[in-house]
Protein backbone atom coordinates (compact mmCIF):
# COMPACT_ATOMS: atom_id res chain seq x y z
CA MET A 1 29.23 -23.24 1.65
CA THR A 2 28.07 -20.31 3.75
CA GLN A 3 30.66 -17.57 3.65
CA THR A 4 32.55 -16.66 6.80
CA ASN A 5 31.20 -13.10 6.79
CA ASN A 6 27.70 -14.50 7.51
CA LYS A 7 26.48 -13.63 4.03
CA PRO A 8 24.94 -16.41 1.96
CA ALA A 9 27.21 -18.27 -0.44
CA THR A 10 26.37 -17.37 -4.01
CA VAL A 11 27.42 -19.14 -7.19
CA ILE A 12 27.34 -17.33 -10.52
CA LEU A 13 26.88 -19.33 -13.73
CA VAL A 14 28.29 -17.84 -16.93
CA ASN A 15 27.14 -19.54 -20.11
CA SER A 16 27.93 -16.97 -22.78
CA ASP A 17 31.01 -15.14 -24.06
CA GLY A 18 29.83 -11.89 -22.51
CA MET A 19 26.66 -10.62 -20.93
CA GLY A 20 23.27 -10.21 -22.52
CA ARG A 21 22.25 -10.66 -26.13
CA ALA A 22 23.94 -8.04 -28.25
CA ASP A 23 26.99 -7.67 -30.43
CA GLU A 24 30.24 -9.04 -29.00
CA THR A 25 31.63 -5.60 -28.15
CA LEU A 26 28.65 -4.70 -25.96
CA GLN A 27 28.52 -8.17 -24.38
CA HIS A 28 32.20 -7.90 -23.43
CA LYS A 29 31.78 -4.36 -22.11
CA LEU A 30 28.86 -5.41 -19.90
CA ILE A 31 30.58 -8.51 -18.47
CA THR A 32 33.75 -6.51 -17.83
CA THR A 33 31.79 -3.87 -15.92
CA TYR A 34 29.87 -6.54 -13.99
CA PHE A 35 33.01 -8.38 -12.88
CA LYS A 36 34.83 -5.13 -12.00
CA LEU A 37 31.92 -3.97 -9.83
CA LEU A 38 31.78 -7.41 -8.24
CA ASP A 39 35.50 -7.22 -7.53
CA ASP A 40 35.08 -3.78 -5.93
CA SER A 41 32.21 -4.92 -3.72
CA ASN A 42 32.41 -6.45 -0.29
CA THR A 43 30.07 -9.26 -1.31
CA LEU A 44 31.88 -11.81 -3.44
CA PRO A 45 30.44 -15.05 -4.78
CA ALA A 46 31.81 -18.33 -3.49
CA ALA A 47 32.27 -19.52 -7.08
CA ILE A 48 31.82 -18.56 -10.70
CA CYS A 49 31.21 -21.48 -13.05
CA PHE A 50 31.86 -21.13 -16.78
CA TYR A 51 30.29 -23.46 -19.33
CA THR A 52 29.27 -23.48 -23.02
CA ASP A 53 30.49 -20.20 -24.62
CA GLY A 54 31.27 -18.84 -21.16
CA VAL A 55 34.53 -20.81 -21.04
CA LYS A 56 35.94 -18.42 -23.65
CA LEU A 57 36.10 -15.72 -20.97
CA THR A 58 38.78 -17.70 -19.13
CA THR A 59 41.11 -18.19 -22.11
CA ILE A 60 43.86 -16.29 -23.90
CA GLY A 61 42.63 -12.97 -25.27
CA SER A 62 39.60 -12.66 -22.99
CA PRO A 63 38.81 -9.06 -22.02
CA VAL A 64 38.09 -10.08 -18.41
CA LEU A 65 41.22 -12.06 -17.50
CA GLU A 66 42.65 -9.35 -15.24
CA VAL A 67 39.49 -8.96 -13.19
CA LEU A 68 38.95 -12.74 -13.03
CA ARG A 69 42.48 -13.10 -11.64
CA ALA A 70 41.67 -10.44 -9.04
CA LEU A 71 38.48 -12.25 -8.02
CA GLU A 72 40.34 -15.56 -7.82
CA ALA A 73 43.03 -13.93 -5.65
CA LYS A 74 40.26 -12.85 -3.27
CA GLY A 75 39.12 -16.47 -2.89
CA VAL A 76 36.42 -16.77 -5.55
CA HIS A 77 36.55 -20.31 -6.94
CA LEU A 78 36.50 -20.24 -10.76
CA VAL A 79 35.36 -23.52 -12.35
CA ILE A 80 35.70 -24.07 -16.10
CA CYS A 81 33.89 -26.90 -17.89
CA SER A 82 36.42 -29.27 -19.46
CA THR A 83 33.88 -30.71 -21.93
CA CYS A 84 33.18 -27.22 -23.25
CA LEU A 85 36.86 -26.34 -23.51
CA ASN A 86 37.46 -29.54 -25.48
CA HIS A 87 34.48 -28.82 -27.73
CA PHE A 88 35.93 -25.42 -28.69
CA GLY A 89 39.53 -26.67 -28.84
CA LEU A 90 40.52 -24.32 -26.01
CA GLU A 91 41.82 -26.79 -23.43
CA ASP A 92 45.39 -25.46 -23.77
CA GLN A 93 44.42 -21.77 -23.66
CA VAL A 94 43.01 -21.48 -20.12
CA GLU A 95 44.56 -18.55 -18.26
CA VAL A 96 42.59 -18.49 -15.01
CA GLY A 97 40.54 -20.80 -12.81
CA VAL A 98 40.37 -24.56 -12.41
CA VAL A 99 39.32 -26.89 -15.19
CA GLY A 100 36.70 -29.26 -13.90
CA GLY A 101 33.77 -31.31 -14.99
CA MET A 102 30.03 -31.02 -14.71
CA THR A 103 30.30 -32.74 -11.33
CA ASP A 104 32.27 -29.76 -10.03
CA ILE A 105 29.65 -27.32 -11.31
CA ILE A 106 26.85 -29.36 -9.77
CA GLU A 107 28.71 -29.54 -6.46
CA ALA A 108 29.16 -25.75 -6.42
CA GLN A 109 25.44 -25.30 -7.09
CA TRP A 110 24.38 -27.70 -4.34
CA ARG A 111 26.63 -26.01 -1.81
CA ALA A 112 25.34 -22.55 -2.70
CA ASP A 113 22.62 -20.70 -0.88
CA LYS A 114 21.84 -18.82 -4.09
CA VAL A 115 22.64 -19.42 -7.79
CA ILE A 116 22.63 -16.61 -10.36
CA THR A 117 22.82 -17.23 -14.09
CA LEU A 118 24.13 -14.41 -16.24
C-alpha cells in the first residue's frame, strides 16, 4: 500500500465523533480543521477508517461531509464500520465512503506503513 509518490502509506483511524475530549462543538471544530488541513496538504493518507462514534462523521448532518468528499475525490479510501452504523441505527444515513466490516479495517491497517489514531 505504498503510495505512488514514494511517501509511506498512512491509515488514519477515527473512533470518536470529533477530535479530542471536549464538548461536541470543540471536537467538531478540531476535526474539521484537521481534515481541511489534510485536504490542503500534498501528503494524503491511503485510507481513513471510521468506527465506534467515528461513523457519525460520515452520516447526514456531519460537519465534515464536504471535506471528506474532497478527500475521497482525491483517492483517499474512506471505510465505515457496518457494525457500528447498525448499532447507532445509522446504516441508511451514510453520505460518504464505503461501508465495510472489521475485515476491511484490518486489511487497511496491515497494508499501511503507518497507522494514526485520532
